[in-house]
Amino acid sequence: MIYPTLKLIHVLSSTILFGGGIFAALLGTIVFGSRKMKVIAEVGPHIVKVESYLTILSALAQIITGLWLASIAGFPVLTGWLGWASLLFCIAAACWILGVWLQHRMVELSKTAIETNSELPAEYNERFKNWTFLGLPSTTAMLGIFYLMVFKSA
């Protein structure tokens, strides 16, 4: 009974991790891409907070249930399809960490621009471009993980 329960938690947490990431990316693109300082300063911190909570909790659930399931099934964690999935998970995590830092920085830049009654600096545009770019390897890594989980061998 433990294996199916762990598998359910693993599938649900992967849904939250990937779905929450896609939602945060879409909402972030609207908010941060608007370049409206007041919107960024007011809504941006909430995006960062919710995305952080959802991602951290679901990623921890992924790691714990994934290792537990692999242990029960006798899969070696660092080889084969599971090794590749682990590598892709680390790539997605690195992109996410950088992305959250960039979001936080964009919020700070918008608040500073409001306080100084100035325009968003060129740094904001650079941070937004970098944040947008990180979506490509992150999303590709997550899709790769789903592919490996569905089409794994043995």
C-alpha atoms as a PDB file:
ATOM      1  CA  MET A   1       0.000   0.000   0.000  1.00  0.00           C
ATOM      2  CA  ILE A   2       2.940   2.366   0.611  1.00  0.00           C
ATOM      3  CA  TYR A   3       4.193   2.236  -3.004  1.00  0.00           C
ATOM      4  CA  PRO A   4       0.908   3.372  -4.637  1.00  0.00           C
ATOM      5  CA  THR A   5       0.510   6.100  -2.002  1.00  0.00           C
ATOM      6  CA  LEU A   6       4.043   7.372  -2.595  1.00  0.00           C
ATOM      7  CA  LYS A   7       3.481   7.222  -6.353  1.00  0.00           C
ATOM      8  CA  LEU A   8       0.284   9.279  -5.995  1.00  0.00           C
ATOM      9  CA  ILE A   9       2.091  11.911  -3.909  1.00  0.00           C
ATOM     10  CA  HIS A  10       4.943  11.893  -6.443  1.00  0.00           C
ATOM     11  CA  VAL A  11       2.584  12.425  -9.399  1.00  0.00           C
ATOM     12  CA  LEU A  12       0.574  15.123  -7.589  1.00  0.00           C
ATOM     13  CA  SER A  13       3.697  16.988  -6.495  1.00  0.00           C
ATOM     14  CA  SER A  14       5.091  16.840 -10.036  1.00  0.00           C
ATOM     15  CA  THR A  15       1.839  18.326 -11.279  1.00  0.00           C
ATOM     16  CA  ILE A  16       2.097  21.151  -8.761  1.00  0.00           C
ATOM     17  CA  LEU A  17       5.795  21.687  -9.513  1.00  0.00           C
ATOM     18  CA  PHE A  18       5.399  21.869 -13.284  1.00  0.00           C
ATOM     19  CA  GLY A  19       1.941  23.448 -13.382  1.00  0.00           C
ATOM     20  CA  GLY A  20       2.868  26.018 -10.740  1.00  0.00           C
ATOM     21  CA  GLY A  21       6.028  26.830 -12.653  1.00  0.00           C
ATOM     22  CA  ILE A  22       4.131  27.360 -15.900  1.00  0.00           C
ATOM     23  CA  PHE A  23       1.519  29.508 -14.142  1.00  0.00           C
ATOM     24  CA  ALA A  24       4.189  31.590 -12.388  1.00  0.00           C
ATOM     25  CA  ALA A  25       6.038  32.025 -15.685  1.00  0.00           C
ATOM     26  CA  LEU A  26       2.897  33.228 -17.454  1.00  0.00           C
ATOM     27  CA  LEU A  27       1.892  35.544 -14.621  1.00  0.00           C
ATOM     28  CA  GLY A  28       5.477  36.772 -14.276  1.00  0.00           C
ATOM     29  CA  THR A  29       5.651  37.496 -17.986  1.00  0.00           C
ATOM     30  CA  ILE A  30       2.510  39.602 -17.714  1.00  0.00           C
ATOM     31  CA  VAL A  31       3.596  41.447 -14.559  1.00  0.00           C
ATOM     32  CA  PHE A  32       7.340  41.857 -15.119  1.00  0.00           C
ATOM     33  CA  GLY A  33       6.903  42.274 -18.869  1.00  0.00           C
ATOM     34  CA  SER A  34       4.432  45.116 -18.368  1.00  0.00           C
ATOM     35  CA  ARG A  35       7.280  47.310 -17.105  1.00  0.00           C
ATOM     36  CA  LYS A  36       4.677  49.087 -14.984  1.00  0.00           C
ATOM     37  CA  MET A  37       6.637  49.884 -11.852  1.00  0.00           C
ATOM     38  CA  LYS A  38       3.666  50.039  -9.517  1.00  0.00           C
ATOM     39  CA  VAL A  39       2.291  46.692 -10.709  1.00  0.00           C
ATOM     40  CA  ILE A  40       5.730  45.065 -10.439  1.00  0.00           C
ATOM     41  CA  ALA A  41       6.350  46.512  -6.969  1.00  0.00           C
ATOM     42  CA  GLU A  42       2.940  45.424  -5.656  1.00  0.00           C
ATOM     43  CA  VAL A  43       2.318  42.091  -7.389  1.00  0.00           C
ATOM     44  CA  GLY A  44       5.895  40.898  -7.970  1.00  0.00           C
ATOM     45  CA  PRO A  45       6.647  40.035  -4.328  1.00  0.00           C
ATOM     46  CA  HIS A  46       3.501  37.891  -4.176  1.00  0.00           C
ATOM     47  CA  ILE A  47       4.545  35.982  -7.295  1.00  0.00           C
ATOM     48  CA  VAL A  48       7.980  35.348  -5.790  1.00  0.00           C
ATOM     49  CA  LYS A  49       6.501  34.248  -2.455  1.00  0.00           C
ATOM     50  CA  VAL A  50       3.851  31.901  -3.852  1.00  0.00           C
ATOM     51  CA  GLU A  51       6.218  30.452  -6.430  1.00  0.00           C
ATOM     52  CA  SER A  52       8.837  29.873  -3.753  1.00  0.00           C
ATOM     53  CA  TYR A  53       6.454  28.097  -1.397  1.00  0.00           C
ATOM     54  CA  LEU A  54       4.892  25.929  -4.113  1.00  0.00           C
ATOM     55  CA  THR A  55       8.200  25.071  -5.708  1.00  0.00           C
ATOM     56  CA  ILE A  56      10.101  24.312  -2.534  1.00  0.00           C
ATOM     57  CA  LEU A  57       7.353  22.149  -1.042  1.00  0.00           C
ATOM     58  CA  SER A  58       6.610  20.255  -4.245  1.00  0.00           C
ATOM     59  CA  ALA A  59      10.320  19.823  -5.066  1.00  0.00           C
ATOM     60  CA  LEU A  60      10.967  18.412  -1.590  1.00  0.00           C
ATOM     61  CA  ALA A  61       8.036  16.046  -2.039  1.00  0.00           C
ATOM     62  CA  GLN A  62       9.498  15.026  -5.427  1.00  0.00           C
ATOM     63  CA  ILE A  63      12.915  14.308  -3.962  1.00  0.00           C
ATOM     64  CA  ILE A  64      11.639  12.407  -0.919  1.00  0.00           C
ATOM     65  CA  THR A  65       9.028  10.322  -2.745  1.00  0.00           C
ATOM     66  CA  GLY A  66      11.310   9.793  -5.752  1.00  0.00           C
ATOM     67  CA  LEU A  67      14.166   8.432  -3.648  1.00  0.00           C
ATOM     68  CA  TRP A  68      11.765   6.326  -1.591  1.00  0.00           C
ATOM     69  CA  LEU A  69      10.078   4.893  -4.701  1.00  0.00           C
ATOM     70  CA  ALA A  70      13.457   4.169  -6.314  1.00  0.00           C
ATOM     71  CA  SER A  71      14.581   2.410  -3.138  1.00  0.00           C
ATOM     72  CA  ILE A  72      11.468   0.234  -2.999  1.00  0.00           C
ATOM     73  CA  ALA A  73      11.664  -0.592  -6.729  1.00  0.00           C
ATOM     74  CA  GLY A  74      15.407  -1.207  -6.599  1.00  0.00           C
ATOM     75  CA  PHE A  75      16.259   1.456  -9.184  1.00  0.00           C
ATOM     76  CA  PRO A  76      19.782   2.911  -8.976  1.00  0.00           C
ATOM     77  CA  VAL A  77      19.341   6.646  -8.463  1.00  0.00           C
ATOM     78  CA  LEU A  78      22.375   7.930 -10.348  1.00  0.00           C
ATOM     79  CA  THR A  79      22.326   5.686 -13.426  1.00  0.00           C
ATOM     80  CA  GLY A  80      20.046   5.010 -16.367  1.00  0.00           C
ATOM     81  CA  TRP A  81      16.849   6.940 -16.873  1.00  0.00           C
ATOM     82  CA  LEU A  82      16.681   7.927 -13.207  1.00  0.00           C
ATOM     83  CA  GLY A  83      20.197   9.370 -13.349  1.00  0.00           C
ATOM     84  CA  TRP A  84      19.210  11.473 -16.362  1.00  0.00           C
ATOM     85  CA  ALA A  85      16.009  12.576 -14.623  1.00  0.00           C
ATOM     86  CA  SER A  86      18.044  13.587 -11.560  1.00  0.00           C
ATOM     87  CA  LEU A  87      20.428  15.609 -13.727  1.00  0.00           C
ATOM     88  CA  LEU A  88      17.522  17.353 -15.461  1.00  0.00           C
ATOM     89  CA  PHE A  89      15.950  18.060 -12.055  1.00  0.00           C
ATOM     90  CA  CYS A  90      19.183  19.756 -10.954  1.00  0.00           C
ATOM     91  CA  ILE A  91      19.248  21.850 -14.151  1.00  0.00           C
ATOM     92  CA  ALA A  92      15.640  22.935 -13.602  1.00  0.00           C
ATOM     93  CA  ALA A  93      16.404  23.723  -9.945  1.00  0.00           C
ATOM     94  CA  ALA A  94      19.423  25.860 -10.872  1.00  0.00           C
ATOM     95  CA  CYS A  95      17.323  27.777 -13.414  1.00  0.00           C
ATOM     96  CA  TRP A  96      14.586  28.251 -10.821  1.00  0.00           C
ATOM     97  CA  ILE A  97      16.996  29.571  -8.166  1.00  0.00           C
ATOM     98  CA  LEU A  98      18.458  32.068 -10.632  1.00  0.00           C
ATOM     99  CA  GLY A  99      14.982  32.960 -11.856  1.00  0.00           C
ATOM    100  CA  VAL A 100      13.664  33.717  -8.377  1.00  0.00           C
ATOM    101  CA  TRP A 101      16.727  35.856  -7.670  1.00  0.00           C
ATOM    102  CA  LEU A 102      16.099  37.768 -10.915  1.00  0.00           C
ATOM    103  CA  GLN A 103      12.431  38.262 -10.010  1.00  0.00           C
ATOM    104  CA  HIS A 104      13.408  39.560  -6.591  1.00  0.00           C
ATOM    105  CA  ARG A 105      15.920  41.929  -8.186  1.00  0.00           C
ATOM    106  CA  MET A 106      13.324  43.220 -10.696  1.00  0.00           C
ATOM    107  CA  VAL A 107      10.980  43.977  -7.805  1.00  0.00           C
ATOM    108  CA  GLU A 108      13.767  45.881  -6.011  1.00  0.00           C
ATOM    109  CA  LEU A 109      14.591  47.863  -9.160  1.00  0.00           C
ATOM    110  CA  SER A 110      10.948  48.828  -9.643  1.00  0.00           C
ATOM    111  CA  LYS A 111      10.609  49.935  -6.008  1.00  0.00           C
ATOM    112  CA  THR A 112      13.781  52.021  -6.301  1.00  0.00           C
ATOM    113  CA  ALA A 113      12.498  53.616  -9.511  1.00  0.00           C
ATOM    114  CA  ILE A 114       9.241  54.519  -7.757  1.00  0.00           C
ATOM    115  CA  GLU A 115      11.062  55.951  -4.731  1.00  0.00           C
ATOM    116  CA  THR A 116      13.407  58.034  -6.888  1.00  0.00           C
ATOM    117  CA  ASN A 117      10.663  58.992  -9.353  1.00  0.00           C
ATOM    118  CA  SER A 118      12.713  57.657 -12.264  1.00  0.00           C
ATOM    119  CA  GLU A 119      12.327  55.167 -15.092  1.00  0.00           C
ATOM    120  CA  LEU A 120      13.256  51.520 -14.803  1.00  0.00           C
ATOM    121  CA  PRO A 121      17.006  51.223 -15.361  1.00  0.00           C
ATOM    122  CA  ALA A 122      18.626  49.298 -18.217  1.00  0.00           C
ATOM    123  CA  GLU A 123      19.516  46.650 -15.628  1.00  0.00           C
ATOM    124  CA  TYR A 124      15.803  45.841 -15.343  1.00  0.00           C
ATOM    125  CA  ASN A 125      15.556  45.031 -19.036  1.00  0.00           C
ATOM    126  CA  GLU A 126      18.655  42.845 -18.816  1.00  0.00           C
ATOM    127  CA  ARG A 127      17.271  40.988 -15.779  1.00  0.00           C
ATOM    128  CA  PHE A 128      13.941  40.474 -17.535  1.00  0.00           C
ATOM    129  CA  LYS A 129      15.675  39.077 -20.642  1.00  0.00           C
ATOM    130  CA  ASN A 130      17.764  36.713 -18.500  1.00  0.00           C
ATOM    131  CA  TRP A 131      14.691  35.606 -16.540  1.00  0.00           C
ATOM    132  CA  THR A 132      12.791  34.955 -19.762  1.00  0.00           C
ATOM    133  CA  PHE A 133      15.711  32.985 -21.216  1.00  0.00           C
ATOM    134  CA  LEU A 134      15.906  30.728 -18.146  1.00  0.00           C
ATOM    135  CA  GLY A 135      12.422  29.467 -18.966  1.00  0.00           C
ATOM    136  CA  LEU A 136      13.762  27.546 -21.969  1.00  0.00           C
ATOM    137  CA  PRO A 137      16.222  25.189 -20.224  1.00  0.00           C
ATOM    138  CA  SER A 138      13.971  24.921 -17.177  1.00  0.00           C
ATOM    139  CA  THR A 139      10.878  23.931 -19.161  1.00  0.00           C
ATOM    140  CA  THR A 140      12.890  21.636 -21.436  1.00  0.00           C
ATOM    141  CA  ALA A 141      14.388  19.913 -18.394  1.00  0.00           C
ATOM    142  CA  MET A 142      10.969  19.386 -16.815  1.00  0.00           C
ATOM    143  CA  LEU A 143       9.524  18.017 -20.069  1.00  0.00           C
ATOM    144  CA  GLY A 144      12.533  15.708 -20.301  1.00  0.00           C
ATOM    145  CA  ILE A 145      11.844  14.411 -16.801  1.00  0.00           C
ATOM    146  CA  PHE A 146       8.216  13.685 -17.697  1.00  0.00           C
ATOM    147  CA  TYR A 147       9.367  11.928 -20.879  1.00  0.00           C
ATOM    148  CA  LEU A 148      11.839   9.760 -18.955  1.00  0.00           C
ATOM    149  CA  MET A 149       9.258   8.888 -16.303  1.00  0.00           C
ATOM    150  CA  VAL A 150       6.670   7.806 -18.886  1.00  0.00           C
ATOM    151  CA  PHE A 151       8.984   6.015 -21.319  1.00  0.00           C
ATOM    152  CA  LYS A 152      11.533   4.634 -18.837  1.00  0.00           C
ATOM    153  CA  SER A 153      12.992   1.243 -19.464  1.00  0.00           C
ATOM    154  CA  ALA A 154      12.461  -1.250 -16.650  1.00  0.00           C
END
